[in-house]
Amino acid sequence: MRALVTGSAGFLGSHMVDALLGEGHHVIGVDNLLTGNYRNFAHLRNEPRFEFAEQDITRPFDPGPVDLVFNMASPASPADYLTYGIETLMVGSVGVRNSLEIAKKCGARFLHCSTSECYGDPLEHPQLETYWGNVNPIGPRSVYDESKRFAEALVMAYHRYERVNTRLVRIFNTYGPRLQANDGRVISNFLRQALDGEDLTIYGDGSQTRSFCYVTDQIEGQLRLMSSEEHTPVNIGNPEEFTILECAQAVLAITGSKSKLAYEPLPEDDPKQRRPDITKAREVLGWEPKIPLTEGLRLTIPWFRDEAARTSSVTAGPDGEEAA
């Protein structure tokens, strides 16, 4: 089949491209490279079944006939969506509509990547898909949270009124190779800091919790959802819950780093707990994650080491001095 992947140069988008190619599909990737990077699909340079177009999906575009649409375009890390707030809102509204129009025109199956941030700072724990959330609609994080909540409403409207064959995945914290080293996410921050010998930054007292899903598990869950007939949101994440402090300690142990812990104030509206209830994914998709945090960290570390080496070679002159 022909599959369109928006946000194909991003962390999750590039992994989805690889997975679809691995299943034998022809893939059209689009990305405006605001937060994505060519390096994420450099290995596909000579792959005849992959086409890439630099494209802002907030502007109408025509990828030609497609059978599957994976809408994965959006700044997703705090560092990015807090920098590109308006762009985040636009891609979560106009960009989603343009992608839905393509699916409508082609009669394609459509999967939209939503987020656990739809639950905000949850008052119910763990989070079920039926929970409506506790979100500050005007806080700093609202540019991301509300863009995703609006996008879910838009996707369901196209399903109900335009009969588009849609799916909604709510993604919980996902990590793995191709994460940006400076994107402000927990795993990427901790790994970069530990490997560089810097203090690991703990926001708040470290008692807030997250649930970390390795990227291959996440992608498998999304592919199973696309192949299903489930149209309402499905949580895809790892239900094993860690405090931020426990995560930091795991990173220190697995890297052998002698870094210390440094505590900073908790950002505004930062969720105090996050854990998916994946009963629906288990029952409807037959899916659950396989890779525990320690194994996932081992699989992720080489990417961060390579990134550190690449950055060092780019910024250093011939004698090891920093280039201008």
C-alpha atoms as a PDB file:
ATOM      1  CA  MET A   1       0.000   0.000   0.000  1.00  0.00           C
ATOM      2  CA  ARG A   2       0.951   3.657  -0.243  1.00  0.00           C
ATOM      3  CA  ALA A   3       1.289   5.321   3.149  1.00  0.00           C
ATOM      4  CA  LEU A   4       1.594   9.026   3.951  1.00  0.00           C
ATOM      5  CA  VAL A   5       3.504   9.920   7.120  1.00  0.00           C
ATOM      6  CA  THR A   6       3.379  13.562   8.222  1.00  0.00           C
ATOM      7  CA  GLY A   7       6.168  14.593  10.582  1.00  0.00           C
ATOM      8  CA  SER A   8       8.317  11.898   8.978  1.00  0.00           C
ATOM      9  CA  ALA A   9      11.632  13.515   9.926  1.00  0.00           C
ATOM     10  CA  GLY A  10      10.775  13.513  13.625  1.00  0.00           C
ATOM     11  CA  PHE A  11      11.549  10.945  16.303  1.00  0.00           C
ATOM     12  CA  LEU A  12       8.377   8.857  16.066  1.00  0.00           C
ATOM     13  CA  GLY A  13       7.644   9.686  12.434  1.00  0.00           C
ATOM     14  CA  SER A  14      10.976   8.361  11.197  1.00  0.00           C
ATOM     15  CA  HIS A  15      10.533   5.126  13.145  1.00  0.00           C
ATOM     16  CA  MET A  16       7.081   4.732  11.612  1.00  0.00           C
ATOM     17  CA  VAL A  17       8.572   5.186   8.137  1.00  0.00           C
ATOM     18  CA  ASP A  18      11.055   2.385   8.852  1.00  0.00           C
ATOM     19  CA  ALA A  19       8.310   0.101  10.154  1.00  0.00           C
ATOM     20  CA  LEU A  20       6.061   0.670   7.130  1.00  0.00           C
ATOM     21  CA  LEU A  21       8.919   0.053   4.720  1.00  0.00           C
ATOM     22  CA  GLY A  22       9.678  -3.104   6.678  1.00  0.00           C
ATOM     23  CA  GLU A  23       6.103  -4.249   5.992  1.00  0.00           C
ATOM     24  CA  GLY A  24       6.605  -3.724   2.263  1.00  0.00           C
ATOM     25  CA  HIS A  25       4.685  -0.465   1.805  1.00  0.00           C
ATOM     26  CA  HIS A  26       5.588   2.543  -0.326  1.00  0.00           C
ATOM     27  CA  VAL A  27       5.975   5.573   1.973  1.00  0.00           C
ATOM     28  CA  ILE A  28       5.577   9.273   1.261  1.00  0.00           C
ATOM     29  CA  GLY A  29       7.080  11.343   4.053  1.00  0.00           C
ATOM     30  CA  VAL A  30       6.409  15.045   4.548  1.00  0.00           C
ATOM     31  CA  ASP A  31       7.913  17.372   7.133  1.00  0.00           C
ATOM     32  CA  ASN A  32       8.678  21.092   7.266  1.00  0.00           C
ATOM     33  CA  LEU A  33      11.826  20.341   9.332  1.00  0.00           C
ATOM     34  CA  LEU A  34      10.867  22.826  12.039  1.00  0.00           C
ATOM     35  CA  THR A  35      11.790  20.225  14.663  1.00  0.00           C
ATOM     36  CA  GLY A  36      12.500  17.179  12.469  1.00  0.00           C
ATOM     37  CA  ASN A  37      15.904  16.361  11.017  1.00  0.00           C
ATOM     38  CA  TYR A  38      17.180  14.829   7.768  1.00  0.00           C
ATOM     39  CA  ARG A  39      19.553  12.635   9.789  1.00  0.00           C
ATOM     40  CA  ASN A  40      16.590  10.592  11.007  1.00  0.00           C
ATOM     41  CA  PHE A  41      16.097   9.089   7.551  1.00  0.00           C
ATOM     42  CA  ALA A  42      19.579   9.485   6.015  1.00  0.00           C
ATOM     43  CA  HIS A  43      19.778   5.685   5.881  1.00  0.00           C
ATOM     44  CA  LEU A  44      16.898   5.715   3.364  1.00  0.00           C
ATOM     45  CA  ARG A  45      18.693   7.864   0.804  1.00  0.00           C
ATOM     46  CA  ASN A  46      18.790   5.024  -1.744  1.00  0.00           C
ATOM     47  CA  GLU A  47      15.460   3.432  -0.808  1.00  0.00           C
ATOM     48  CA  PRO A  48      13.221   3.540  -3.922  1.00  0.00           C
ATOM     49  CA  ARG A  49      10.031   2.957  -1.901  1.00  0.00           C
ATOM     50  CA  PHE A  50      10.527   6.144   0.139  1.00  0.00           C
ATOM     51  CA  GLU A  51       9.722   9.631  -1.115  1.00  0.00           C
ATOM     52  CA  PHE A  52      10.284  12.763   0.957  1.00  0.00           C
ATOM     53  CA  ALA A  53       8.889  16.253   0.446  1.00  0.00           C
ATOM     54  CA  GLU A  54       9.698  19.268   2.591  1.00  0.00           C
ATOM     55  CA  GLN A  55       6.164  20.445   3.256  1.00  0.00           C
ATOM     56  CA  ASP A  56       4.305  22.501   5.865  1.00  0.00           C
ATOM     57  CA  ILE A  57       1.045  20.610   6.350  1.00  0.00           C
ATOM     58  CA  THR A  58      -0.742  23.780   7.455  1.00  0.00           C
ATOM     59  CA  ARG A  59      -0.747  24.556   3.722  1.00  0.00           C
ATOM     60  CA  PRO A  60      -2.845  22.316   1.460  1.00  0.00           C
ATOM     61  CA  PHE A  61      -0.800  19.670  -0.370  1.00  0.00           C
ATOM     62  CA  ASP A  62      -1.393  16.671  -2.612  1.00  0.00           C
ATOM     63  CA  PRO A  63       0.701  13.514  -2.039  1.00  0.00           C
ATOM     64  CA  GLY A  64      -1.178  11.616  -4.728  1.00  0.00           C
ATOM     65  CA  PRO A  65      -3.305   8.548  -3.987  1.00  0.00           C
ATOM     66  CA  VAL A  66      -2.647   6.957  -0.585  1.00  0.00           C
ATOM     67  CA  ASP A  67      -4.190   4.069   1.347  1.00  0.00           C
ATOM     68  CA  LEU A  68      -2.951   4.982   4.829  1.00  0.00           C
ATOM     69  CA  VAL A  69      -2.372   8.350   6.523  1.00  0.00           C
ATOM     70  CA  PHE A  70      -0.332   8.543   9.726  1.00  0.00           C
ATOM     71  CA  ASN A  71      -0.632  12.085  11.082  1.00  0.00           C
ATOM     72  CA  MET A  72       2.442  12.447  13.318  1.00  0.00           C
ATOM     73  CA  ALA A  73       3.362  16.091  12.695  1.00  0.00           C
ATOM     74  CA  SER A  74       3.716  18.355  15.728  1.00  0.00           C
ATOM     75  CA  PRO A  75       6.386  19.784  17.968  1.00  0.00           C
ATOM     76  CA  ALA A  76       6.225  17.290  20.839  1.00  0.00           C
ATOM     77  CA  SER A  77       8.906  18.176  23.364  1.00  0.00           C
ATOM     78  CA  PRO A  78       8.585  21.023  25.876  1.00  0.00           C
ATOM     79  CA  ALA A  79      11.629  22.753  24.413  1.00  0.00           C
ATOM     80  CA  ASP A  80       9.982  22.792  21.000  1.00  0.00           C
ATOM     81  CA  TYR A  81       6.335  23.567  21.689  1.00  0.00           C
ATOM     82  CA  LEU A  82       7.205  26.272  24.205  1.00  0.00           C
ATOM     83  CA  THR A  83       9.375  27.881  21.497  1.00  0.00           C
ATOM     84  CA  TYR A  84       6.942  27.341  18.633  1.00  0.00           C
ATOM     85  CA  GLY A  85       3.636  27.823  20.403  1.00  0.00           C
ATOM     86  CA  ILE A  86       1.639  29.286  17.524  1.00  0.00           C
ATOM     87  CA  GLU A  87       3.064  26.779  15.048  1.00  0.00           C
ATOM     88  CA  THR A  88       2.050  23.980  17.432  1.00  0.00           C
ATOM     89  CA  LEU A  89      -1.527  25.249  17.562  1.00  0.00           C
ATOM     90  CA  MET A  90      -1.686  25.604  13.781  1.00  0.00           C
ATOM     91  CA  VAL A  91      -0.354  22.126  12.984  1.00  0.00           C
ATOM     92  CA  GLY A  92      -2.808  20.672  15.521  1.00  0.00           C
ATOM     93  CA  SER A  93      -5.741  22.387  13.830  1.00  0.00           C
ATOM     94  CA  VAL A  94      -5.214  23.442  10.207  1.00  0.00           C
ATOM     95  CA  GLY A  95      -2.569  20.757   9.649  1.00  0.00           C
ATOM     96  CA  VAL A  96      -4.818  18.024  11.003  1.00  0.00           C
ATOM     97  CA  ARG A  97      -7.704  19.219   8.831  1.00  0.00           C
ATOM     98  CA  ASN A  98      -5.532  19.197   5.702  1.00  0.00           C
ATOM     99  CA  SER A  99      -4.397  15.651   6.520  1.00  0.00           C
ATOM    100  CA  LEU A 100      -7.981  14.526   7.117  1.00  0.00           C
ATOM    101  CA  GLU A 101      -9.024  16.025   3.782  1.00  0.00           C
ATOM    102  CA  ILE A 102      -6.401  13.864   2.062  1.00  0.00           C
ATOM    103  CA  ALA A 103      -7.740  10.756   3.805  1.00  0.00           C
ATOM    104  CA  LYS A 104     -11.295  11.748   2.837  1.00  0.00           C
ATOM    105  CA  LYS A 105     -10.375  12.317  -0.810  1.00  0.00           C
ATOM    106  CA  CYS A 106      -8.464   9.024  -1.064  1.00  0.00           C
ATOM    107  CA  GLY A 107     -10.758   6.893   1.074  1.00  0.00           C
ATOM    108  CA  ALA A 108      -7.683   6.144   3.215  1.00  0.00           C
ATOM    109  CA  ARG A 109      -7.432   4.874   6.756  1.00  0.00           C
ATOM    110  CA  PHE A 110      -6.303   7.705   9.046  1.00  0.00           C
ATOM    111  CA  LEU A 111      -4.399   7.494  12.329  1.00  0.00           C
ATOM    112  CA  HIS A 112      -3.815  10.614  14.409  1.00  0.00           C
ATOM    113  CA  CYS A 113      -1.116  10.747  17.048  1.00  0.00           C
ATOM    114  CA  SER A 114      -2.580  12.327  20.151  1.00  0.00           C
ATOM    115  CA  THR A 115      -1.018  12.416  23.590  1.00  0.00           C
ATOM    116  CA  SER A 116      -1.391  11.620  27.265  1.00  0.00           C
ATOM    117  CA  GLU A 117      -1.170  15.388  27.741  1.00  0.00           C
ATOM    118  CA  CYS A 118      -4.891  15.389  26.909  1.00  0.00           C
ATOM    119  CA  TYR A 119      -5.304  14.227  30.521  1.00  0.00           C
ATOM    120  CA  GLY A 120      -3.354  17.244  31.830  1.00  0.00           C
ATOM    121  CA  ASP A 121      -2.391  16.985  35.500  1.00  0.00           C
ATOM    122  CA  PRO A 122      -4.741  14.048  36.094  1.00  0.00           C
ATOM    123  CA  LEU A 123      -7.050  13.723  39.070  1.00  0.00           C
ATOM    124  CA  GLU A 124      -7.655  10.060  38.161  1.00  0.00           C
ATOM    125  CA  HIS A 125      -4.847   7.532  38.274  1.00  0.00           C
ATOM    126  CA  PRO A 126      -4.017   5.530  36.221  1.00  0.00           C
ATOM    127  CA  GLN A 127      -5.540   7.242  33.219  1.00  0.00           C
ATOM    128  CA  LEU A 128      -8.337   5.514  31.304  1.00  0.00           C
ATOM    129  CA  GLU A 129      -9.430   6.671  27.855  1.00  0.00           C
ATOM    130  CA  THR A 130     -12.801   7.629  29.361  1.00  0.00           C
ATOM    131  CA  TYR A 131     -11.175  10.253  31.631  1.00  0.00           C
ATOM    132  CA  TRP A 132     -11.764  13.772  30.298  1.00  0.00           C
ATOM    133  CA  GLY A 133      -8.693  15.328  31.859  1.00  0.00           C
ATOM    134  CA  ASN A 134      -7.614  18.251  34.028  1.00  0.00           C
ATOM    135  CA  VAL A 135      -6.016  20.743  31.641  1.00  0.00           C
ATOM    136  CA  ASN A 136      -5.188  24.428  32.053  1.00  0.00           C
ATOM    137  CA  PRO A 137      -6.453  25.876  28.737  1.00  0.00           C
ATOM    138  CA  ILE A 138      -4.447  29.119  29.029  1.00  0.00           C
ATOM    139  CA  GLY A 139      -1.193  28.020  30.681  1.00  0.00           C
ATOM    140  CA  PRO A 140       2.210  27.807  28.933  1.00  0.00           C
ATOM    141  CA  ARG A 141       1.670  24.134  28.048  1.00  0.00           C
ATOM    142  CA  SER A 142      -1.784  24.783  26.601  1.00  0.00           C
ATOM    143  CA  VAL A 143      -0.370  25.369  23.115  1.00  0.00           C
ATOM    144  CA  TYR A 144       0.408  21.632  23.007  1.00  0.00           C
ATOM    145  CA  ASP A 145      -2.305  20.210  25.249  1.00  0.00           C
ATOM    146  CA  GLU A 146      -5.165  22.096  23.641  1.00  0.00           C
ATOM    147  CA  SER A 147      -3.900  21.588  20.084  1.00  0.00           C
ATOM    148  CA  LYS A 148      -4.078  17.845  20.716  1.00  0.00           C
ATOM    149  CA  ARG A 149      -7.486  18.017  22.400  1.00  0.00           C
ATOM    150  CA  PHE A 150      -8.891  20.080  19.515  1.00  0.00           C
ATOM    151  CA  ALA A 151      -7.328  17.672  17.025  1.00  0.00           C
ATOM    152  CA  GLU A 152      -9.127  14.753  18.684  1.00  0.00           C
ATOM    153  CA  ALA A 153     -12.438  16.610  18.362  1.00  0.00           C
ATOM    154  CA  LEU A 154     -11.694  17.356  14.703  1.00  0.00           C
ATOM    155  CA  VAL A 155     -10.777  13.739  13.948  1.00  0.00           C
ATOM    156  CA  MET A 156     -13.984  12.476  15.564  1.00  0.00           C
ATOM    157  CA  ALA A 157     -16.002  15.089  13.650  1.00  0.00           C
ATOM    158  CA  TYR A 158     -14.557  13.884  10.351  1.00  0.00           C
ATOM    159  CA  HIS A 159     -15.350  10.327  11.400  1.00  0.00           C
ATOM    160  CA  ARG A 160     -18.957  11.166  12.305  1.00  0.00           C
ATOM    161  CA  TYR A 161     -19.854  13.697   9.615  1.00  0.00           C
ATOM    162  CA  GLU A 162     -17.543  12.854   6.709  1.00  0.00           C
ATOM    163  CA  ARG A 163     -17.286   9.091   7.324  1.00  0.00           C
ATOM    164  CA  VAL A 164     -13.470   9.152   7.333  1.00  0.00           C
ATOM    165  CA  ASN A 165     -12.049   5.870   8.645  1.00  0.00           C
ATOM    166  CA  THR A 166     -10.142   7.304  11.630  1.00  0.00           C
ATOM    167  CA  ARG A 167      -8.144   6.123  14.643  1.00  0.00           C
ATOM    168  CA  LEU A 168      -6.776   7.994  17.673  1.00  0.00           C
ATOM    169  CA  VAL A 169      -3.718   6.952  19.657  1.00  0.00           C
ATOM    170  CA  ARG A 170      -2.878   8.648  22.950  1.00  0.00           C
ATOM    171  CA  ILE A 171       0.889   8.348  23.271  1.00  0.00           C
ATOM    172  CA  PHE A 172       2.507   8.143  26.692  1.00  0.00           C
ATOM    173  CA  ASN A 173       6.160   9.082  27.287  1.00  0.00           C
ATOM    174  CA  THR A 174       8.158   7.331  24.560  1.00  0.00           C
ATOM    175  CA  TYR A 175      11.920   7.183  24.171  1.00  0.00           C
ATOM    176  CA  GLY A 176      14.632   5.568  22.060  1.00  0.00           C
ATOM    177  CA  PRO A 177      17.178   6.373  19.352  1.00  0.00           C
ATOM    178  CA  ARG A 178      16.625   9.630  17.408  1.00  0.00           C
ATOM    179  CA  LEU A 179      15.371  11.592  20.401  1.00  0.00           C
ATOM    180  CA  GLN A 180      16.810  15.087  20.292  1.00  0.00           C
ATOM    181  CA  ALA A 181      19.490  15.423  22.943  1.00  0.00           C
ATOM    182  CA  ASN A 182      18.335  18.870  24.105  1.00  0.00           C
ATOM    183  CA  ASP A 183      14.582  18.515  23.789  1.00  0.00           C
ATOM    184  CA  GLY A 184      13.731  18.799  27.486  1.00  0.00           C
ATOM    185  CA  ARG A 185      12.240  15.309  27.833  1.00  0.00           C
ATOM    186  CA  VAL A 186      13.140  13.225  30.858  1.00  0.00           C
ATOM    187  CA  ILE A 187      15.080  10.392  29.218  1.00  0.00           C
ATOM    188  CA  SER A 188      16.943  12.565  26.720  1.00  0.00           C
ATOM    189  CA  ASN A 189      17.905  15.109  29.383  1.00  0.00           C
ATOM    190  CA  PHE A 190      19.150  12.457  31.796  1.00  0.00           C
ATOM    191  CA  LEU A 191      21.104  10.459  29.210  1.00  0.00           C
ATOM    192  CA  ARG A 192      22.796  13.499  27.704  1.00  0.00           C
ATOM    193  CA  GLN A 193      23.707  14.890  31.111  1.00  0.00           C
ATOM    194  CA  ALA A 194      24.964  11.546  32.443  1.00  0.00           C
ATOM    195  CA  LEU A 195      27.112  10.857  29.369  1.00  0.00           C
ATOM    196  CA  ASP A 196      28.526  14.408  29.459  1.00  0.00           C
ATOM    197  CA  GLY A 197      29.282  14.197  33.181  1.00  0.00           C
ATOM    198  CA  GLU A 198      26.838  16.998  34.007  1.00  0.00           C
ATOM    199  CA  ASP A 199      24.486  17.121  36.979  1.00  0.00           C
ATOM    200  CA  LEU A 200      21.145  15.472  36.252  1.00  0.00           C
ATOM    201  CA  THR A 201      18.395  18.086  36.501  1.00  0.00           C
ATOM    202  CA  ILE A 202      15.468  17.053  38.709  1.00  0.00           C
ATOM    203  CA  TYR A 203      12.477  19.386  38.538  1.00  0.00           C
ATOM    204  CA  GLY A 204      10.597  19.564  41.822  1.00  0.00           C
ATOM    205  CA  ASP A 205      11.488  16.923  44.425  1.00  0.00           C
ATOM    206  CA  GLY A 206      11.542  14.078  41.900  1.00  0.00           C
ATOM    207  CA  SER A 207       8.459  12.367  43.315  1.00  0.00           C
ATOM    208  CA  GLN A 208       6.319  13.044  40.224  1.00  0.00           C
ATOM    209  CA  THR A 209       5.853   9.917  38.108  1.00  0.00           C
ATOM    210  CA  ARG A 210       6.096   8.940  34.443  1.00  0.00           C
ATOM    211  CA  SER A 211       5.663   5.724  32.476  1.00  0.00           C
ATOM    212  CA  PHE A 212       8.268   5.152  29.755  1.00  0.00           C
ATOM    213  CA  CYS A 213       7.555   3.210  26.549  1.00  0.00           C
ATOM    214  CA  TYR A 214      10.360   2.119  24.215  1.00  0.00           C
ATOM    215  CA  VAL A 215       9.875   3.321  20.647  1.00  0.00           C
ATOM    216  CA  THR A 216       9.510  -0.080  18.949  1.00  0.00           C
ATOM    217  CA  ASP A 217       6.729  -1.011  21.368  1.00  0.00           C
ATOM    218  CA  GLN A 218       5.013   2.293  20.649  1.00  0.00           C
ATOM    219  CA  ILE A 219       5.201   1.849  16.883  1.00  0.00           C
ATOM    220  CA  GLU A 220       3.901  -1.719  17.085  1.00  0.00           C
ATOM    221  CA  GLY A 221       0.901  -0.507  19.090  1.00  0.00           C
ATOM    222  CA  GLN A 222       0.114   2.162  16.515  1.00  0.00           C
ATOM    223  CA  LEU A 223       0.356  -0.291  13.615  1.00  0.00           C
ATOM    224  CA  ARG A 224      -2.011  -2.673  15.386  1.00  0.00           C
ATOM    225  CA  LEU A 225      -4.426   0.195  15.974  1.00  0.00           C
ATOM    226  CA  MET A 226      -4.322   1.190  12.301  1.00  0.00           C
ATOM    227  CA  SER A 227      -5.163  -2.408  11.357  1.00  0.00           C
ATOM    228  CA  SER A 228      -8.078  -2.514  13.814  1.00  0.00           C
ATOM    229  CA  GLU A 229     -11.588  -1.121  13.536  1.00  0.00           C
ATOM    230  CA  GLU A 230     -11.335   0.900  16.770  1.00  0.00           C
ATOM    231  CA  HIS A 231     -12.239   4.558  16.263  1.00  0.00           C
ATOM    232  CA  THR A 232     -12.171   5.965  19.804  1.00  0.00           C
ATOM    233  CA  PRO A 233      -8.912   6.853  21.614  1.00  0.00           C
ATOM    234  CA  VAL A 234      -6.539   4.086  22.714  1.00  0.00           C
ATOM    235  CA  ASN A 235      -3.723   4.554  25.227  1.00  0.00           C
ATOM    236  CA  ILE A 236      -0.392   3.226  23.966  1.00  0.00           C
ATOM    237  CA  GLY A 237       2.264   3.347  26.673  1.00  0.00           C
ATOM    238  CA  ASN A 238       4.037   1.314  29.292  1.00  0.00           C
ATOM    239  CA  PRO A 239       2.023   0.959  32.528  1.00  0.00           C
ATOM    240  CA  GLU A 240       5.170   0.468  34.615  1.00  0.00           C
ATOM    241  CA  GLU A 241       5.402   3.668  36.676  1.00  0.00           C
ATOM    242  CA  PHE A 242       8.608   5.346  37.902  1.00  0.00           C
ATOM    243  CA  THR A 243       9.290   8.462  39.891  1.00  0.00           C
ATOM    244  CA  ILE A 244      11.572  10.935  38.166  1.00  0.00           C
ATOM    245  CA  LEU A 245      14.130  10.248  40.884  1.00  0.00           C
ATOM    246  CA  GLU A 246      13.984   6.501  40.187  1.00  0.00           C
ATOM    247  CA  CYS A 247      14.482   7.191  36.492  1.00  0.00           C
ATOM    248  CA  ALA A 248      17.536   9.351  37.225  1.00  0.00           C
ATOM    249  CA  GLN A 249      19.013   6.622  39.404  1.00  0.00           C
ATOM    250  CA  ALA A 250      18.427   4.040  36.665  1.00  0.00           C
ATOM    251  CA  VAL A 251      20.253   6.233  34.134  1.00  0.00           C
ATOM    252  CA  LEU A 252      23.198   6.729  36.509  1.00  0.00           C
ATOM    253  CA  ALA A 253      23.413   2.996  37.167  1.00  0.00           C
ATOM    254  CA  ILE A 254      23.272   1.915  33.539  1.00  0.00           C
ATOM    255  CA  THR A 255      25.718   4.570  32.260  1.00  0.00           C
ATOM    256  CA  GLY A 256      28.115   4.259  35.208  1.00  0.00           C
ATOM    257  CA  SER A 257      28.092   8.050  35.378  1.00  0.00           C
ATOM    258  CA  LYS A 258      29.360   9.857  38.485  1.00  0.00           C
ATOM    259  CA  SER A 259      26.996  12.770  37.855  1.00  0.00           C
ATOM    260  CA  LYS A 260      25.165  14.288  40.803  1.00  0.00           C
ATOM    261  CA  LEU A 261      21.549  15.336  41.064  1.00  0.00           C
ATOM    262  CA  ALA A 262      20.588  19.015  40.815  1.00  0.00           C
ATOM    263  CA  TYR A 263      17.117  20.170  41.830  1.00  0.00           C
ATOM    264  CA  GLU A 264      15.216  22.947  40.047  1.00  0.00           C
ATOM    265  CA  PRO A 265      11.695  24.360  40.555  1.00  0.00           C
ATOM    266  CA  LEU A 266       8.850  22.388  38.983  1.00  0.00           C
ATOM    267  CA  PRO A 267       7.603  24.034  35.739  1.00  0.00           C
ATOM    268  CA  GLU A 268       4.071  25.441  35.683  1.00  0.00           C
ATOM    269  CA  ASP A 269       1.342  22.820  35.081  1.00  0.00           C
ATOM    270  CA  ASP A 270       3.863  19.965  35.018  1.00  0.00           C
ATOM    271  CA  PRO A 271       1.839  16.750  35.617  1.00  0.00           C
ATOM    272  CA  LYS A 272       2.450  15.146  39.014  1.00  0.00           C
ATOM    273  CA  GLN A 273       1.680  11.633  37.830  1.00  0.00           C
ATOM    274  CA  ARG A 274       1.314   9.798  34.572  1.00  0.00           C
ATOM    275  CA  ARG A 275       0.467   6.135  33.980  1.00  0.00           C
ATOM    276  CA  PRO A 276      -1.672   4.610  31.234  1.00  0.00           C
ATOM    277  CA  ASP A 277      -4.371   2.065  31.810  1.00  0.00           C
ATOM    278  CA  ILE A 278      -3.804  -0.175  28.771  1.00  0.00           C
ATOM    279  CA  THR A 279      -6.708  -2.563  29.316  1.00  0.00           C
ATOM    280  CA  LYS A 280      -8.285  -1.394  26.057  1.00  0.00           C
ATOM    281  CA  ALA A 281      -5.060  -1.906  24.068  1.00  0.00           C
ATOM    282  CA  ARG A 282      -4.699  -5.407  25.520  1.00  0.00           C
ATOM    283  CA  GLU A 283      -8.294  -6.389  24.802  1.00  0.00           C
ATOM    284  CA  VAL A 284      -8.846  -4.705  21.429  1.00  0.00           C
ATOM    285  CA  LEU A 285      -5.356  -4.850  19.898  1.00  0.00           C
ATOM    286  CA  GLY A 286      -3.747  -7.754  21.753  1.00  0.00           C
ATOM    287  CA  TRP A 287      -0.906  -5.344  22.481  1.00  0.00           C
ATOM    288  CA  GLU A 288       1.276  -4.649  25.481  1.00  0.00           C
ATOM    289  CA  PRO A 289       4.863  -3.388  25.748  1.00  0.00           C
ATOM    290  CA  LYS A 290       7.726  -5.876  25.861  1.00  0.00           C
ATOM    291  CA  ILE A 291      10.818  -3.823  26.622  1.00  0.00           C
ATOM    292  CA  PRO A 292      11.501  -2.785  30.245  1.00  0.00           C
ATOM    293  CA  LEU A 293      13.155   0.534  31.059  1.00  0.00           C
ATOM    294  CA  THR A 294      16.634  -0.866  31.749  1.00  0.00           C
ATOM    295  CA  GLU A 295      16.758  -2.686  28.399  1.00  0.00           C
ATOM    296  CA  GLY A 296      15.365   0.328  26.558  1.00  0.00           C
ATOM    297  CA  LEU A 297      18.008   2.583  28.075  1.00  0.00           C
ATOM    298  CA  ARG A 298      20.747   0.198  26.917  1.00  0.00           C
ATOM    299  CA  LEU A 299      19.330   0.303  23.399  1.00  0.00           C
ATOM    300  CA  THR A 300      19.131   4.117  23.453  1.00  0.00           C
ATOM    301  CA  ILE A 301      22.564   4.983  24.878  1.00  0.00           C
ATOM    302  CA  PRO A 302      24.555   4.339  21.643  1.00  0.00           C
ATOM    303  CA  TRP A 303      22.475   6.944  19.800  1.00  0.00           C
ATOM    304  CA  PHE A 304      23.267   9.583  22.417  1.00  0.00           C
ATOM    305  CA  ARG A 305      26.961   8.668  22.376  1.00  0.00           C
ATOM    306  CA  ASP A 306      27.015   9.016  18.580  1.00  0.00           C
ATOM    307  CA  GLU A 307      25.165  12.334  18.793  1.00  0.00           C
ATOM    308  CA  ALA A 308      27.678  13.639  21.338  1.00  0.00           C
ATOM    309  CA  ALA A 309      30.547  12.608  19.051  1.00  0.00           C
ATOM    310  CA  ARG A 310      28.875  14.153  16.008  1.00  0.00           C
ATOM    311  CA  THR A 311      28.205  17.421  17.820  1.00  0.00           C
ATOM    312  CA  SER A 312      31.787  17.501  19.052  1.00  0.00           C
ATOM    313  CA  SER A 313      33.175  16.989  15.542  1.00  0.00           C
ATOM    314  CA  VAL A 314      30.909  19.720  14.121  1.00  0.00           C
ATOM    315  CA  THR A 315      31.715  22.349  16.763  1.00  0.00           C
ATOM    316  CA  ALA A 316      35.441  21.665  17.108  1.00  0.00           C
ATOM    317  CA  GLY A 317      38.136  23.016  14.806  1.00  0.00           C
ATOM    318  CA  PRO A 318      41.082  20.986  13.448  1.00  0.00           C
ATOM    319  CA  ASP A 319      43.016  21.351  16.705  1.00  0.00           C
ATOM    320  CA  GLY A 320      40.074  20.530  18.926  1.00  0.00           C
ATOM    321  CA  GLU A 321      39.250  24.212  19.440  1.00  0.00           C
ATOM    322  CA  GLU A 322      35.662  25.296  19.175  1.00  0.00           C
ATOM    323  CA  ALA A 323      34.877  26.450  15.650  1.00  0.00           C
ATOM    324  CA  ALA A 324      33.501  29.967  15.131  1.00  0.00           C
END
